[in-house]
N, C-alpha and C. Protein backbone atom coordinates (compact mmCIF):
# COMPACT_ATOMS: atom_id res chain seq x y z
N MET A 1 110.41 -43.56 80.76
CA MET A 1 110.87 -44.86 80.36
C MET A 1 109.77 -45.87 80.32
N GLU A 2 109.95 -46.91 79.55
CA GLU A 2 109.03 -48.01 79.51
C GLU A 2 109.82 -49.24 79.28
N THR A 3 109.22 -50.41 79.48
CA THR A 3 109.90 -51.74 79.43
C THR A 3 110.30 -51.92 77.97
N HIS A 4 111.37 -52.76 77.84
CA HIS A 4 111.97 -53.10 76.54
C HIS A 4 110.99 -53.90 75.69
N PRO A 5 110.92 -53.67 74.42
CA PRO A 5 110.08 -54.49 73.58
C PRO A 5 110.53 -55.95 73.40
N ASP A 6 111.76 -56.21 73.65
CA ASP A 6 112.27 -57.66 73.50
C ASP A 6 111.94 -58.37 74.83
N VAL A 7 111.02 -59.34 74.65
CA VAL A 7 110.53 -60.05 75.81
C VAL A 7 111.56 -60.88 76.51
N SER A 8 112.73 -61.13 75.82
CA SER A 8 113.68 -61.98 76.47
C SER A 8 114.44 -61.16 77.56
N ARG A 9 114.31 -59.82 77.59
CA ARG A 9 114.79 -58.99 78.59
C ARG A 9 113.90 -58.81 79.82
N MET A 10 112.76 -59.41 79.79
CA MET A 10 111.75 -59.29 80.85
C MET A 10 111.82 -60.45 81.85
N TYR A 11 112.89 -61.00 82.03
CA TYR A 11 113.19 -62.13 82.92
C TYR A 11 112.82 -61.77 84.37
N GLY A 12 112.07 -62.57 85.09
CA GLY A 12 111.78 -62.35 86.46
C GLY A 12 110.64 -63.20 86.85
N CYS A 13 110.40 -63.33 88.17
CA CYS A 13 109.32 -64.12 88.66
C CYS A 13 108.12 -63.26 88.81
N CYS A 14 108.10 -62.29 89.65
CA CYS A 14 106.97 -61.43 89.88
C CYS A 14 107.22 -59.94 89.65
N GLY A 15 108.28 -59.74 88.86
CA GLY A 15 108.81 -58.38 88.44
C GLY A 15 110.01 -58.57 87.60
N LEU A 16 110.66 -57.51 87.16
CA LEU A 16 111.89 -57.63 86.35
C LEU A 16 113.07 -57.91 87.28
N ALA A 17 113.73 -58.98 87.05
CA ALA A 17 114.90 -59.32 87.87
C ALA A 17 116.13 -58.39 87.53
N GLY A 18 116.42 -58.13 86.30
CA GLY A 18 117.50 -57.34 85.97
C GLY A 18 118.84 -57.74 86.37
N THR A 19 118.96 -59.02 86.74
CA THR A 19 120.22 -59.59 87.29
C THR A 19 121.19 -60.12 86.18
N ASP A 20 120.67 -60.13 84.95
CA ASP A 20 121.56 -60.56 83.80
C ASP A 20 122.38 -59.49 83.24
N GLY A 21 122.20 -58.24 83.73
CA GLY A 21 122.95 -57.17 83.24
C GLY A 21 122.64 -56.52 82.01
N ARG A 22 121.48 -56.90 81.39
CA ARG A 22 120.98 -56.43 80.15
C ARG A 22 120.02 -55.24 80.38
N LEU A 23 120.07 -54.27 79.57
CA LEU A 23 119.20 -53.15 79.70
C LEU A 23 117.80 -53.55 79.47
N ASN A 24 116.83 -53.24 80.34
CA ASN A 24 115.42 -53.63 80.12
C ASN A 24 114.47 -52.50 80.09
N LEU A 25 114.94 -51.27 80.17
CA LEU A 25 114.11 -50.05 80.03
C LEU A 25 114.60 -49.23 78.93
N VAL A 26 113.57 -48.67 78.18
CA VAL A 26 113.90 -47.86 76.93
C VAL A 26 113.22 -46.48 77.13
N CYS A 27 113.69 -45.60 76.36
CA CYS A 27 113.06 -44.20 76.33
C CYS A 27 111.74 -44.37 75.62
N ALA A 28 110.67 -43.79 76.25
CA ALA A 28 109.29 -43.88 75.75
C ALA A 28 109.16 -43.05 74.43
N GLY A 29 110.05 -42.04 74.29
CA GLY A 29 109.92 -41.25 73.12
C GLY A 29 110.65 -41.81 71.88
N CYS A 30 111.93 -42.21 72.05
CA CYS A 30 112.67 -42.66 70.90
C CYS A 30 113.01 -44.15 70.90
N GLY A 31 112.80 -44.89 71.97
CA GLY A 31 113.05 -46.34 72.03
C GLY A 31 114.48 -46.73 72.31
N ASN A 32 115.38 -45.70 72.57
CA ASN A 32 116.77 -46.10 72.94
C ASN A 32 116.84 -46.79 74.33
N GLU A 33 117.74 -47.73 74.45
CA GLU A 33 117.91 -48.41 75.66
C GLU A 33 118.64 -47.57 76.70
N LEU A 34 118.07 -47.47 77.92
CA LEU A 34 118.54 -46.51 78.84
C LEU A 34 119.01 -47.11 80.26
N ALA A 35 118.39 -48.13 80.72
CA ALA A 35 118.52 -48.48 82.11
C ALA A 35 118.13 -49.93 82.35
N THR A 36 118.54 -50.43 83.54
CA THR A 36 118.13 -51.77 83.98
C THR A 36 117.31 -51.52 85.31
N LEU A 37 116.14 -52.16 85.25
CA LEU A 37 115.22 -52.17 86.42
C LEU A 37 115.27 -53.47 87.18
N GLN A 38 115.60 -53.42 88.48
CA GLN A 38 115.54 -54.64 89.27
C GLN A 38 114.33 -54.44 90.22
N ALA A 39 113.28 -55.24 90.08
CA ALA A 39 112.06 -55.08 90.90
C ALA A 39 111.42 -56.39 91.11
N ASP A 40 112.17 -57.45 91.23
CA ASP A 40 111.61 -58.84 91.41
C ASP A 40 111.43 -58.99 92.97
N CYS A 41 110.66 -60.02 93.32
CA CYS A 41 110.44 -60.31 94.79
C CYS A 41 111.68 -60.71 95.54
N TYR A 42 112.76 -61.11 94.88
CA TYR A 42 113.98 -61.51 95.52
C TYR A 42 115.15 -60.58 95.38
N THR A 43 114.82 -59.34 94.75
CA THR A 43 115.89 -58.37 94.61
C THR A 43 115.45 -57.07 95.27
N GLN A 44 116.38 -56.13 95.49
CA GLN A 44 116.05 -54.82 95.96
C GLN A 44 115.52 -54.09 94.72
N ASN A 45 114.60 -53.22 94.99
CA ASN A 45 114.09 -52.38 93.83
C ASN A 45 115.01 -51.24 93.55
N GLN A 46 115.53 -51.19 92.29
CA GLN A 46 116.42 -50.08 91.88
C GLN A 46 116.49 -50.01 90.41
N VAL A 47 116.77 -48.72 89.87
CA VAL A 47 116.96 -48.48 88.41
C VAL A 47 118.39 -48.05 88.36
N THR A 48 119.16 -48.71 87.48
CA THR A 48 120.53 -48.36 87.19
C THR A 48 120.66 -47.84 85.76
N LEU A 49 120.92 -46.52 85.73
CA LEU A 49 121.06 -45.94 84.39
C LEU A 49 122.36 -46.23 83.71
N ASP A 50 122.29 -46.46 82.46
CA ASP A 50 123.59 -46.63 81.62
C ASP A 50 124.16 -45.26 81.45
N PHE A 51 125.35 -45.02 82.06
CA PHE A 51 125.92 -43.70 82.10
C PHE A 51 126.42 -43.29 80.75
N VAL A 52 126.54 -44.16 79.75
CA VAL A 52 126.98 -43.80 78.36
C VAL A 52 125.76 -43.36 77.65
N ARG A 53 124.61 -43.83 77.91
CA ARG A 53 123.41 -43.41 77.18
C ARG A 53 122.52 -42.39 77.77
N THR A 54 122.89 -41.91 78.93
CA THR A 54 122.05 -40.92 79.58
C THR A 54 122.88 -39.59 79.81
N ILE A 55 122.20 -38.50 79.98
CA ILE A 55 122.69 -37.20 80.16
C ILE A 55 122.24 -36.65 81.48
N ARG A 56 123.13 -36.23 82.36
CA ARG A 56 122.75 -35.61 83.57
C ARG A 56 122.46 -34.11 83.27
N SER A 57 121.32 -33.64 83.70
CA SER A 57 121.01 -32.30 83.50
C SER A 57 120.07 -31.88 84.54
N PHE A 58 120.07 -30.54 84.81
CA PHE A 58 119.19 -29.96 85.84
C PHE A 58 118.32 -28.90 85.17
N SER A 59 117.16 -28.73 85.78
CA SER A 59 116.27 -27.67 85.31
C SER A 59 115.78 -26.90 86.52
N ARG A 60 115.57 -25.63 86.39
CA ARG A 60 114.98 -24.82 87.44
C ARG A 60 113.59 -24.47 87.07
N GLU A 61 112.82 -24.37 88.10
CA GLU A 61 111.46 -23.87 87.86
C GLU A 61 111.52 -22.33 87.72
N PRO A 62 110.72 -21.85 86.77
CA PRO A 62 110.77 -20.34 86.69
C PRO A 62 110.38 -19.54 87.99
N ASP A 63 111.05 -18.47 88.15
CA ASP A 63 110.78 -17.63 89.41
C ASP A 63 109.40 -17.06 89.31
């Protein structure tokens, strides 16, 4: 993932606030919006995935 190209979604003081509820992380490969990052000095650091836009999957390492 990487930060959203729309600078209006980069709100924050010393990091991304993520408190406006808008997705601010996109897929580095295709550019689709995926998640919201909260990592500002007054918030807890967390990434919240958009459950509609992400797929939960597991992979095993080969034996």
